[in-house]
Amino acid sequence: IYTSLDLRVQQPAIDAVRAQVPQAMPGILVGGTGVSIEASTGRVLAMAQNTVFNETTEANLAAGETSQVFAADKAHGGSTYGFETGSTYKLFTLLSWLESGHSVNQVLDGRLKTFSPFTRCGDKVTNSSKINNFGNSGGSVGSVRQFTAQSLNTGFLAMAQQLDLCDINEVAKRLGVHYGNGDDITVGGTNANTAPNDPFPTVLGSKSVAPLQMAGAYATVANNGVYCEPRVIDRVVGEDGAEITPPAQKCSQQLTPEVAATAAYALRGVMEGNGTGTRANPYDGTQLIGKTGTAEKEHTMLVESSTKVTTAVWVGNVDGRVPLNDFRNGNGTRLGDIRYGLAKAIQGAADAVYPAEDFPRPDDKLVRQVLTNVPDVVGKSVGEATSLIEAAGFTAAVGPAVDGPAGDVVMAQDPSGQAPSGATITISPSNGQGATVPDITGQSKAEAQSALFGAGFSSIDFDGSCNGQNAAVTSTDPAANTPTTKSTSIKVRCK
């Protein structure tokens, strides 16, 4: 049997896991694994983990020994349940967002709050829980691409409110993802996470999946939307020297090239600039996409990919729920941070052997600027204006006061008409120095002058028609009841 393992990637993977993940340590049953696959074929190029293989019964195993394959599902010797993916599962919300025609440059309100309701398989469901962001960040108003680079929980919940939770899981299923025990990711089962189509498992990644399946999903994005089922056998030769047909390669188009290219554009932000995955970037000239994932404090994942090779790593509790960052490896690195160096070493080795091209340009329609109608709040109170603006998905900011009548009233807003969803709308309240033109229709010149002076206007321009003995006011400019400033010149006409 000739396997697909490439020792030019496999040996660096073994070396990296052994150097960075303790084989055993007191107080925690720690596990770590890295797996790399060829994106265009699904061939597994490397698979390594921190333990020593031993098929002895559980009672006779020494510390750091196991027959469990951490990277694989139960059917292939892996965990009974798989391991929690954390925010790497956000990939499927991003893909569902794009398949629905939304843009990665659409701006949403991703500030910390209780998000409700959601749509689940066509039905509305309420939610009363508030989920924090990593580091207790308050969130922000931003674009989907920014949410992806920052892995902002609240941003992805805002996205999911415009989608159907069941559609998100259907995308994962199409890309080969199932629970570690083999259960359907869209349904769940006895030994899988409960409520698979509820908001937080669906959007934020508390589902338990094998790293190999997550690698296959990200490889689909890297492979222009073509999913190739991961495989490890290249060739089989019988005892007589005759070739035996190996399992067939199974590849199928599951995403449009446009969606795949635009998802890659967003996922590049994770591995560049201030993205959450930059510590795992080898910076060897290869353009990479990726996503980090932390499940509570007990599991960490990281998936990164070039256009040629996808690497997924996991470091976490093989059993139990001990916080990873309570422990450090022999190099002084917190267990929760090992994933970065591990993925960096393995992907770097793969990049050297499998040179990659840059990712294709994103689709113009899926990166378009999205404009929405801004409510007209001029004349409203500041409180009412703020509520209307925020209810429409914008951020309200109170600017400097401008001339206007006494009282709590908005005199101007910027912008008006249309603006990018989530944009900041600046409202300008009255400073009380304005005035309203009184209705002086029918009054004599003397009466009109007295009324205008009394309202605070000092610049009055009477038309010649007002000089007659019986002249009466017919109109003013600005018109009666118009809010304006006291310095405005009032033109008066008579008959």
Protein backbone atom coordinates (compact mmCIF):
# COMPACT_ATOMS: atom_id res chain seq x y z
CA ILE A 1 0.00 0.00 0.00
CA TYR A 2 1.44 3.35 -1.08
CA THR A 3 0.11 6.16 1.08
CA SER A 4 -0.26 9.81 0.10
CA LEU A 5 2.00 10.95 2.96
CA ASP A 6 4.83 13.17 1.74
CA LEU A 7 7.84 12.84 4.05
CA ARG A 8 8.96 16.33 3.05
CA VAL A 9 5.88 17.59 4.95
CA GLN A 10 5.29 14.64 7.27
CA GLN A 11 8.67 14.76 9.01
CA PRO A 12 8.51 18.52 9.74
CA ALA A 13 5.00 17.93 11.10
CA ILE A 14 6.27 15.18 13.42
CA ASP A 15 9.18 17.36 14.53
CA ALA A 16 6.91 20.36 15.20
CA VAL A 17 4.38 18.40 17.24
CA ARG A 18 7.08 16.68 19.31
CA ALA A 19 8.90 19.95 19.95
CA GLN A 20 5.85 22.00 20.88
CA VAL A 21 3.14 19.76 22.39
CA PRO A 22 4.05 17.87 25.59
CA GLN A 23 3.53 14.12 25.26
CA ALA A 24 2.16 14.08 28.78
CA MET A 25 2.02 16.45 31.74
CA PRO A 26 0.44 16.33 35.18
CA GLY A 27 -2.96 17.91 35.68
CA ILE A 28 -4.19 17.75 32.09
CA LEU A 29 -4.70 15.09 29.43
CA VAL A 30 -3.29 17.22 26.63
CA GLY A 31 -3.45 16.37 22.95
CA GLY A 32 -2.12 18.02 19.83
CA THR A 33 -2.23 17.19 16.15
CA GLY A 34 -1.50 18.65 12.74
CA VAL A 35 -2.80 17.45 9.39
CA SER A 36 -2.10 18.76 5.88
CA ILE A 37 -3.98 17.89 2.68
CA GLU A 38 -3.47 18.74 -0.97
CA ALA A 39 -6.36 21.07 -1.79
CA SER A 40 -6.86 19.94 -5.39
CA THR A 41 -6.94 16.20 -4.65
CA GLY A 42 -7.73 15.66 -0.96
CA ARG A 43 -4.52 13.63 -0.57
CA VAL A 44 -3.34 13.65 3.06
CA LEU A 45 0.27 14.84 2.95
CA ALA A 46 1.01 14.81 6.67
CA MET A 47 -0.58 13.72 9.93
CA ALA A 48 1.18 13.87 13.27
CA GLN A 49 0.29 14.02 16.96
CA ASN A 50 1.97 14.36 20.33
CA THR A 51 1.38 10.85 21.69
CA VAL A 52 2.98 7.43 21.20
CA PHE A 53 0.83 4.85 19.41
CA ASN A 54 -0.15 1.87 21.56
CA GLU A 55 -3.14 -0.42 21.10
CA THR A 56 -2.82 -1.88 24.60
CA THR A 57 -5.98 -1.83 26.69
CA GLU A 58 -6.69 1.47 28.41
CA ALA A 59 -5.63 0.15 31.82
CA ASN A 60 -2.15 -0.74 30.55
CA LEU A 61 -1.42 2.51 28.70
CA ALA A 62 1.42 4.66 29.99
CA ALA A 63 1.08 8.45 30.11
CA GLY A 64 1.22 9.88 26.61
CA GLU A 65 0.24 6.62 24.90
CA THR A 66 -2.94 6.04 22.88
CA SER A 67 -4.31 4.39 19.77
CA GLN A 68 -6.65 7.31 19.16
CA VAL A 69 -6.01 9.35 16.00
CA PHE A 70 -6.70 12.94 17.06
CA ALA A 71 -6.97 14.28 13.49
CA ALA A 72 -9.57 11.76 12.36
CA ASP A 73 -13.19 10.92 13.07
CA LYS A 74 -14.40 7.86 14.98
CA ALA A 75 -14.69 5.75 11.83
CA HIS A 76 -10.97 6.19 11.20
CA GLY A 77 -9.68 5.65 14.72
CA GLY A 78 -10.35 9.12 16.03
CA SER A 79 -12.23 10.59 18.94
CA THR A 80 -15.71 9.33 19.72
CA TYR A 81 -17.04 12.86 19.39
CA GLY A 82 -14.33 14.88 17.65
CA PHE A 83 -13.12 18.14 19.18
CA GLU A 84 -14.82 21.51 19.42
CA THR A 85 -13.88 23.68 16.45
CA GLY A 86 -14.35 27.13 17.96
CA SER A 87 -14.49 29.98 15.49
CA THR A 88 -13.08 27.94 12.61
CA TYR A 89 -16.76 26.97 12.15
CA LYS A 90 -17.53 30.61 11.27
CA LEU A 91 -16.39 29.72 7.76
CA PHE A 92 -19.85 28.33 7.05
CA THR A 93 -21.65 31.48 8.15
CA LEU A 94 -19.36 33.46 5.84
CA LEU A 95 -20.06 31.11 2.93
CA SER A 96 -23.82 31.15 3.54
CA TRP A 97 -23.65 34.96 3.68
CA LEU A 98 -21.98 35.06 0.26
CA GLU A 99 -24.27 32.43 -1.26
CA SER A 100 -27.19 34.63 -0.21
CA GLY A 101 -25.73 37.44 -2.33
CA HIS A 102 -24.46 39.59 0.53
CA SER A 103 -21.22 41.55 0.28
CA VAL A 104 -18.16 41.18 2.53
CA ASN A 105 -18.02 44.98 2.58
CA GLN A 106 -21.52 45.29 4.00
CA VAL A 107 -21.40 47.11 7.33
CA LEU A 108 -23.36 45.71 10.30
CA ASP A 109 -23.87 46.57 13.94
CA GLY A 110 -21.64 44.06 15.72
CA ARG A 111 -21.73 45.72 19.13
CA LEU A 112 -22.29 43.59 22.21
CA LYS A 113 -25.99 42.94 22.83
CA THR A 114 -28.54 40.16 22.91
CA PHE A 115 -29.22 39.12 19.32
CA SER A 116 -32.77 37.96 18.65
CA PRO A 117 -34.65 36.59 16.80
CA PHE A 118 -32.97 34.14 14.42
CA THR A 119 -34.43 32.07 11.59
CA ARG A 120 -34.11 28.30 11.93
CA CYS A 121 -35.31 26.14 9.04
CA GLY A 122 -37.75 28.90 8.07
CA ASP A 123 -39.13 29.51 11.57
CA LYS A 124 -38.34 32.44 13.87
CA VAL A 125 -36.67 31.50 17.16
CA THR A 126 -35.97 33.82 20.07
CA ASN A 127 -32.74 34.05 22.00
CA SER A 128 -32.25 35.50 25.48
CA SER A 129 -28.52 34.86 25.90
CA LYS A 130 -25.78 37.41 25.44
CA ILE A 131 -22.46 36.03 24.14
CA ASN A 132 -19.23 37.94 24.73
CA ASN A 133 -16.35 38.38 22.34
CA PHE A 134 -12.83 37.10 22.90
CA GLY A 135 -11.14 39.26 25.55
CA ASN A 136 -14.56 40.66 26.52
CA SER A 137 -14.43 43.11 23.62
CA GLY A 138 -17.53 45.28 23.29
CA GLY A 139 -17.67 44.64 19.56
CA SER A 140 -18.04 47.29 16.90
CA VAL A 141 -19.88 48.49 13.86
CA GLY A 142 -17.89 47.13 10.94
CA SER A 143 -17.78 45.19 7.70
CA VAL A 144 -18.06 41.44 7.34
CA ARG A 145 -14.44 41.33 6.19
CA GLN A 146 -13.40 43.13 9.39
CA PHE A 147 -15.50 40.75 11.50
CA THR A 148 -13.75 37.81 9.83
CA ALA A 149 -10.24 39.14 10.42
CA GLN A 150 -11.09 39.92 14.06
CA SER A 151 -13.18 36.75 14.59
CA LEU A 152 -15.85 38.93 16.19
CA ASN A 153 -18.61 36.78 17.70
CA THR A 154 -21.12 39.62 17.79
CA GLY A 155 -20.38 40.48 14.17
CA PHE A 156 -21.12 36.93 13.05
CA LEU A 157 -24.30 36.83 15.12
CA ALA A 158 -25.40 39.99 13.31
CA MET A 159 -24.70 38.22 10.01
CA ALA A 160 -26.55 35.07 11.08
CA GLN A 161 -29.67 37.10 11.88
CA GLN A 162 -29.99 37.79 8.16
CA LEU A 163 -29.55 34.09 7.26
CA ASP A 164 -31.17 30.76 8.10
CA LEU A 165 -29.22 28.77 10.68
CA CYS A 166 -30.08 25.53 8.90
CA ASP A 167 -28.56 26.83 5.66
CA ILE A 168 -25.28 27.47 7.50
CA ASN A 169 -25.05 23.84 8.60
CA GLU A 170 -26.07 22.64 5.14
CA VAL A 171 -23.01 24.44 3.72
CA ALA A 172 -20.82 22.61 6.23
CA LYS A 173 -22.37 19.28 5.24
CA ARG A 174 -21.73 19.93 1.54
CA LEU A 175 -18.07 20.51 2.36
CA GLY A 176 -17.67 17.12 4.04
CA VAL A 177 -18.17 18.18 7.65
CA HIS A 178 -19.86 15.80 10.10
CA TYR A 179 -19.67 15.25 13.82
CA GLY A 180 -16.69 13.26 15.01
CA ASN A 181 -18.90 10.27 15.69
CA GLY A 182 -20.23 10.38 12.13
CA ASP A 183 -23.58 12.02 12.86
CA ASP A 184 -25.06 14.43 10.32
CA ILE A 185 -23.89 17.97 11.17
CA THR A 186 -27.35 19.32 10.28
CA VAL A 187 -29.22 16.98 12.61
CA GLY A 188 -27.04 15.91 15.54
CA GLY A 189 -27.54 12.70 17.42
CA THR A 190 -27.21 10.83 20.68
CA ASN A 191 -23.51 11.46 21.11
CA ALA A 192 -23.25 14.79 19.29
CA ASN A 193 -23.86 18.34 20.43
CA THR A 194 -27.48 19.08 21.20
CA ALA A 195 -29.53 21.69 19.36
CA PRO A 196 -27.30 21.72 16.25
CA ASN A 197 -29.34 24.45 14.57
CA ASP A 198 -29.48 26.84 17.50
CA PRO A 199 -27.56 30.11 17.13
CA PHE A 200 -24.40 29.52 19.13
CA PRO A 201 -23.44 25.98 18.04
CA THR A 202 -24.25 26.93 14.46
CA VAL A 203 -22.47 30.27 14.30
CA LEU A 204 -19.72 30.21 16.93
CA GLY A 205 -18.44 26.66 16.77
CA SER A 206 -19.27 24.57 19.82
CA LYS A 207 -19.73 21.61 17.48
CA SER A 208 -17.25 18.71 17.79
CA VAL A 209 -15.61 17.86 14.46
CA ALA A 210 -12.37 16.11 13.49
CA PRO A 211 -9.56 18.42 12.28
CA LEU A 212 -9.32 16.46 9.02
CA GLN A 213 -12.90 17.39 8.09
CA MET A 214 -12.25 21.06 8.85
CA ALA A 215 -9.14 20.92 6.65
CA GLY A 216 -11.25 19.49 3.82
CA ALA A 217 -13.75 22.34 4.10
CA TYR A 218 -11.10 25.08 3.95
CA ALA A 219 -9.37 23.25 1.10
CA THR A 220 -12.62 23.63 -0.86
CA VAL A 221 -12.31 27.41 -0.63
CA ALA A 222 -8.67 27.19 -1.72
CA ASN A 223 -9.61 24.90 -4.63
CA ASN A 224 -12.05 27.29 -6.35
CA GLY A 225 -15.06 25.69 -4.66
CA VAL A 226 -14.26 22.08 -5.55
CA TYR A 227 -14.46 19.74 -2.54
CA CYS A 228 -12.20 16.68 -2.57
CA GLU A 229 -12.83 14.06 0.09
CA PRO A 230 -9.62 13.51 2.11
CA ARG A 231 -7.86 10.23 1.25
CA VAL A 232 -4.60 8.51 2.19
CA ILE A 233 -4.12 5.70 -0.36
CA ASP A 234 -2.46 6.40 -3.71
CA ARG A 235 -1.74 2.90 -4.91
CA VAL A 236 -2.23 -0.76 -3.92
CA VAL A 237 -0.14 -3.66 -5.27
CA GLY A 238 -1.05 -7.30 -4.55
CA GLU A 239 1.37 -10.06 -3.51
CA ASP A 240 1.51 -11.16 -7.14
CA GLY A 241 2.55 -7.69 -8.27
CA ALA A 242 -0.77 -6.92 -9.84
CA GLU A 243 -2.29 -3.47 -9.33
CA ILE A 244 -5.39 -3.34 -7.13
CA THR A 245 -7.71 -0.41 -7.76
CA PRO A 246 -7.48 2.00 -4.79
CA PRO A 247 -10.43 4.02 -3.51
CA ALA A 248 -11.48 6.50 -6.19
CA GLN A 249 -10.80 10.20 -5.83
CA LYS A 250 -14.08 11.97 -5.01
CA CYS A 251 -14.17 15.64 -6.03
CA SER A 252 -17.21 17.79 -6.75
CA GLN A 253 -18.03 21.47 -7.22
CA GLN A 254 -19.75 22.55 -3.99
CA LEU A 255 -19.19 26.33 -4.07
CA THR A 256 -19.25 28.65 -7.06
CA PRO A 257 -15.79 29.97 -7.96
CA GLU A 258 -17.09 33.48 -7.21
CA VAL A 259 -18.12 32.58 -3.66
CA ALA A 260 -14.87 30.68 -3.06
CA ALA A 261 -12.72 33.57 -4.31
CA THR A 262 -14.59 36.13 -2.22
CA ALA A 263 -14.46 33.95 0.90
CA ALA A 264 -10.71 33.62 0.38
CA TYR A 265 -10.46 37.41 0.10
CA ALA A 266 -12.11 37.77 3.52
CA LEU A 267 -10.10 34.92 5.08
CA ARG A 268 -6.82 36.44 3.94
CA GLY A 269 -7.47 39.20 6.48
CA VAL A 270 -7.08 36.62 9.26
CA MET A 271 -3.51 35.87 8.20
CA GLU A 272 -2.45 39.43 7.35
CA GLY A 273 -2.19 42.79 9.13
CA ASN A 274 -3.80 42.61 12.55
CA GLY A 275 -5.72 39.40 11.87
CA THR A 276 -6.05 36.80 14.59
CA GLY A 277 -3.94 34.22 12.70
CA THR A 278 -0.86 36.25 11.80
CA ARG A 279 1.30 34.45 14.37
CA ALA A 280 0.81 31.29 12.30
CA ASN A 281 1.93 32.91 9.03
CA PRO A 282 5.39 31.68 7.89
CA TYR A 283 5.77 34.91 5.88
CA ASP A 284 7.55 33.00 3.14
CA GLY A 285 5.93 34.90 0.29
CA THR A 286 2.94 32.55 0.08
CA GLN A 287 -0.51 34.11 0.17
CA LEU A 288 -2.58 32.36 2.84
CA ILE A 289 -6.14 32.20 4.07
CA GLY A 290 -7.10 30.95 7.50
CA LYS A 291 -9.18 31.05 10.64
CA THR A 292 -8.51 30.68 14.35
CA GLY A 293 -10.84 28.95 16.77
CA THR A 294 -11.04 28.77 20.56
CA ALA A 295 -13.74 26.66 22.24
CA GLU A 296 -14.17 28.18 25.69
CA LYS A 297 -10.72 27.65 27.23
CA GLU A 298 -10.30 23.93 26.64
CA HIS A 299 -9.82 23.51 22.87
CA THR A 300 -7.97 25.47 20.19
CA MET A 301 -7.93 25.02 16.42
CA LEU A 302 -6.31 26.86 13.55
CA VAL A 303 -6.77 26.17 9.85
CA GLU A 304 -4.67 27.86 7.17
CA SER A 305 -4.22 27.24 3.48
CA SER A 306 -2.44 28.28 0.33
CA THR A 307 -3.98 27.51 -3.05
CA LYS A 308 -2.10 24.18 -2.89
CA VAL A 309 -2.03 22.85 0.69
CA THR A 310 -4.36 23.19 3.68
CA THR A 311 -3.17 22.62 7.26
CA ALA A 312 -5.38 22.16 10.32
CA VAL A 313 -4.03 21.92 13.86
CA TRP A 314 -5.73 21.21 17.18
CA VAL A 315 -4.40 21.49 20.72
CA GLY A 316 -6.73 20.74 23.61
CA ASN A 317 -8.10 18.35 26.17
CA VAL A 318 -8.26 14.76 24.96
CA ASP A 319 -10.64 14.29 27.85
CA GLY A 320 -11.86 16.72 30.50
CA ARG A 321 -12.33 20.49 30.54
CA VAL A 322 -9.12 21.90 32.01
CA PRO A 323 -8.24 25.48 30.91
CA LEU A 324 -5.25 25.22 28.55
CA ASN A 325 -3.64 28.45 29.62
CA ASP A 326 -3.13 27.17 33.15
CA PHE A 327 -0.20 25.19 31.68
CA ARG A 328 2.90 25.88 29.60
CA ASN A 329 5.08 23.63 27.47
CA GLY A 330 8.83 23.20 27.92
CA ASN A 331 9.46 26.33 25.85
CA GLY A 332 7.30 28.46 28.17
CA THR A 333 4.45 28.78 25.66
CA ARG A 334 0.93 28.60 27.04
CA LEU A 335 -0.86 25.52 25.75
CA GLY A 336 -3.56 27.73 24.29
CA ASP A 337 -0.98 29.47 22.07
CA ILE A 338 0.83 26.38 20.75
CA ARG A 339 -1.42 26.22 17.69
CA TYR A 340 0.29 29.24 16.11
CA GLY A 341 3.82 27.87 16.06
CA LEU A 342 2.57 24.41 15.18
CA ALA A 343 0.58 25.54 12.14
CA LYS A 344 3.36 27.91 11.08
CA ALA A 345 5.98 25.14 11.01
CA ILE A 346 3.81 22.63 9.15
CA GLN A 347 2.39 25.08 6.59
CA GLY A 348 5.86 26.53 6.03
CA ALA A 349 7.19 23.07 5.16
CA ALA A 350 4.27 22.51 2.79
CA ASP A 351 4.79 25.90 1.10
CA ALA A 352 8.41 25.00 0.36
CA VAL A 353 7.44 21.74 -1.34
CA TYR A 354 4.21 22.86 -3.01
CA PRO A 355 4.71 26.41 -4.36
CA ALA A 356 1.38 28.19 -4.60
CA GLU A 357 -0.16 30.95 -6.66
CA ASP A 358 -2.05 33.92 -5.26
CA PHE A 359 -5.78 33.51 -4.69
CA PRO A 360 -8.09 34.77 -7.47
CA ARG A 361 -9.73 38.19 -7.27
CA PRO A 362 -13.02 38.38 -5.36
CA ASP A 363 -16.27 38.77 -7.25
CA ASP A 364 -17.21 42.41 -7.85
CA LYS A 365 -20.82 41.89 -6.76
CA LEU A 366 -19.78 40.25 -3.51
CA VAL A 367 -17.43 43.09 -2.50
CA ARG A 368 -19.78 45.92 -3.49
CA GLN A 369 -20.50 48.83 -1.16
CA VAL A 370 -24.02 48.39 0.22
CA LEU A 371 -26.13 51.54 0.72
CA THR A 372 -29.32 51.72 2.78
CA ASN A 373 -31.86 54.47 3.45
CA VAL A 374 -31.07 56.84 6.32
CA PRO A 375 -34.13 57.93 8.34
CA ASP A 376 -34.90 61.66 8.25
CA VAL A 377 -34.63 62.80 11.88
CA VAL A 378 -34.55 66.59 11.45
CA GLY A 379 -37.12 68.08 13.80
CA LYS A 380 -37.05 65.04 16.14
CA SER A 381 -35.71 65.13 19.68
CA VAL A 382 -32.12 63.89 20.12
CA GLY A 383 -33.35 60.78 21.95
CA GLU A 384 -35.94 59.91 19.33
CA ALA A 385 -33.48 60.59 16.50
CA THR A 386 -30.86 58.33 18.09
CA SER A 387 -33.38 55.49 18.47
CA LEU A 388 -34.54 55.78 14.86
CA ILE A 389 -30.98 55.83 13.52
CA GLU A 390 -29.86 52.81 15.55
CA ALA A 391 -33.02 50.86 14.73
CA ALA A 392 -32.16 51.31 11.05
CA GLY A 393 -28.72 49.73 11.62
CA PHE A 394 -26.63 52.90 11.83
CA THR A 395 -24.59 54.48 14.60
CA ALA A 396 -25.79 57.85 15.94
CA ALA A 397 -23.32 60.53 17.00
CA VAL A 398 -24.25 63.95 18.39
CA GLY A 399 -22.25 66.73 16.76
CA PRO A 400 -21.81 70.39 17.73
CA ALA A 401 -25.00 72.35 18.37
CA VAL A 402 -26.13 74.78 15.66
CA ASP A 403 -28.46 77.75 15.66
CA GLY A 404 -32.02 76.74 16.22
CA PRO A 405 -35.06 77.35 18.40
CA ALA A 406 -35.14 76.64 22.09
CA GLY A 407 -35.85 73.05 23.04
CA ASP A 408 -34.52 69.55 22.35
CA VAL A 409 -34.69 69.38 18.57
CA VAL A 410 -32.38 68.10 15.80
CA MET A 411 -31.60 70.84 13.27
CA ALA A 412 -29.45 68.87 10.79
CA GLN A 413 -28.01 65.41 10.05
CA ASP A 414 -25.09 64.16 7.99
CA PRO A 415 -25.37 62.10 5.88
CA SER A 416 -28.98 62.01 4.76
CA GLY A 417 -30.59 60.03 1.96
CA GLN A 418 -28.49 56.85 1.74
CA ALA A 419 -25.31 55.64 3.45
CA PRO A 420 -23.41 52.36 3.95
CA SER A 421 -25.30 50.22 6.44
CA GLY A 422 -23.80 50.64 9.90
CA ALA A 423 -22.30 54.04 9.08
CA THR A 424 -22.19 56.86 11.61
CA ILE A 425 -24.94 59.46 11.25
CA THR A 426 -24.06 62.77 12.92
CA ILE A 427 -26.99 64.77 14.26
CA SER A 428 -26.77 68.46 15.16
CA PRO A 429 -29.06 69.62 17.98
CA SER A 430 -30.36 73.15 18.41
CA ASN A 431 -28.36 75.56 20.58
CA GLY A 432 -31.47 77.56 21.43
CA GLN A 433 -30.20 80.60 19.49
CA GLY A 434 -32.55 80.09 16.59
CA ALA A 435 -36.03 81.37 16.03
CA THR A 436 -39.19 80.49 14.18
CA VAL A 437 -40.67 82.98 11.71
CA PRO A 438 -44.00 84.14 13.18
CA ASP A 439 -47.18 84.19 11.10
CA ILE A 440 -47.78 87.92 10.49
CA THR A 441 -50.23 87.56 7.59
CA GLY A 442 -52.79 90.37 7.53
CA GLN A 443 -50.86 92.61 9.91
CA SER A 444 -49.89 96.22 9.21
CA LYS A 445 -46.28 97.17 8.71
CA ALA A 446 -45.98 98.43 12.29
CA GLU A 447 -47.61 95.32 13.75
CA ALA A 448 -45.45 93.03 11.61
CA GLN A 449 -42.26 94.86 12.58
CA SER A 450 -43.14 94.59 16.27
CA ALA A 451 -43.89 90.85 15.96
CA LEU A 452 -40.63 90.11 14.12
CA PHE A 453 -38.56 92.11 16.59
CA GLY A 454 -40.30 90.28 19.40
CA ALA A 455 -39.35 86.90 17.86
CA GLY A 456 -35.67 87.93 17.86
CA PHE A 457 -35.23 88.99 14.23
CA SER A 458 -33.33 92.22 13.69
CA SER A 459 -32.88 92.23 9.90
CA ILE A 460 -36.25 92.98 8.26
CA ASP A 461 -36.71 93.96 4.61
CA PHE A 462 -40.17 95.39 3.86
CA ASP A 463 -41.22 95.45 0.23
CA GLY A 464 -42.32 98.86 -1.15
CA SER A 465 -45.88 97.55 -1.24
CA CYS A 466 -45.93 97.73 2.57
CA ASN A 467 -45.66 101.53 2.64
CA GLY A 468 -49.29 102.19 1.74
CA GLN A 469 -51.63 103.47 4.46
CA ASN A 470 -53.85 100.35 4.42
CA ALA A 471 -51.16 97.84 3.39
CA ALA A 472 -51.39 94.37 4.99
CA VAL A 473 -48.78 91.59 5.02
CA THR A 474 -49.42 88.79 2.53
CA SER A 475 -46.22 86.65 2.88
CA THR A 476 -42.71 86.38 4.28
CA ASP A 477 -39.51 84.79 3.06
CA PRO A 478 -38.70 82.49 4.85
CA ALA A 479 -42.32 81.49 5.21
CA ALA A 480 -44.25 81.59 8.45
CA ASN A 481 -43.40 78.86 11.01
CA THR A 482 -40.01 78.14 9.39
CA PRO A 483 -37.23 77.36 11.93
CA THR A 484 -34.18 79.50 11.18
CA THR A 485 -31.58 81.70 12.89
CA LYS A 486 -32.18 85.11 14.43
CA SER A 487 -29.64 86.65 12.04
CA THR A 488 -31.69 85.62 8.99
CA SER A 489 -33.03 88.53 6.96
CA ILE A 490 -36.85 88.36 6.76
CA LYS A 491 -38.37 89.71 3.55
CA VAL A 492 -41.95 90.95 3.92
CA ARG A 493 -44.49 91.52 1.13
CA CYS A 494 -47.82 93.34 1.41
CA LYS A 495 -50.98 94.07 -0.54
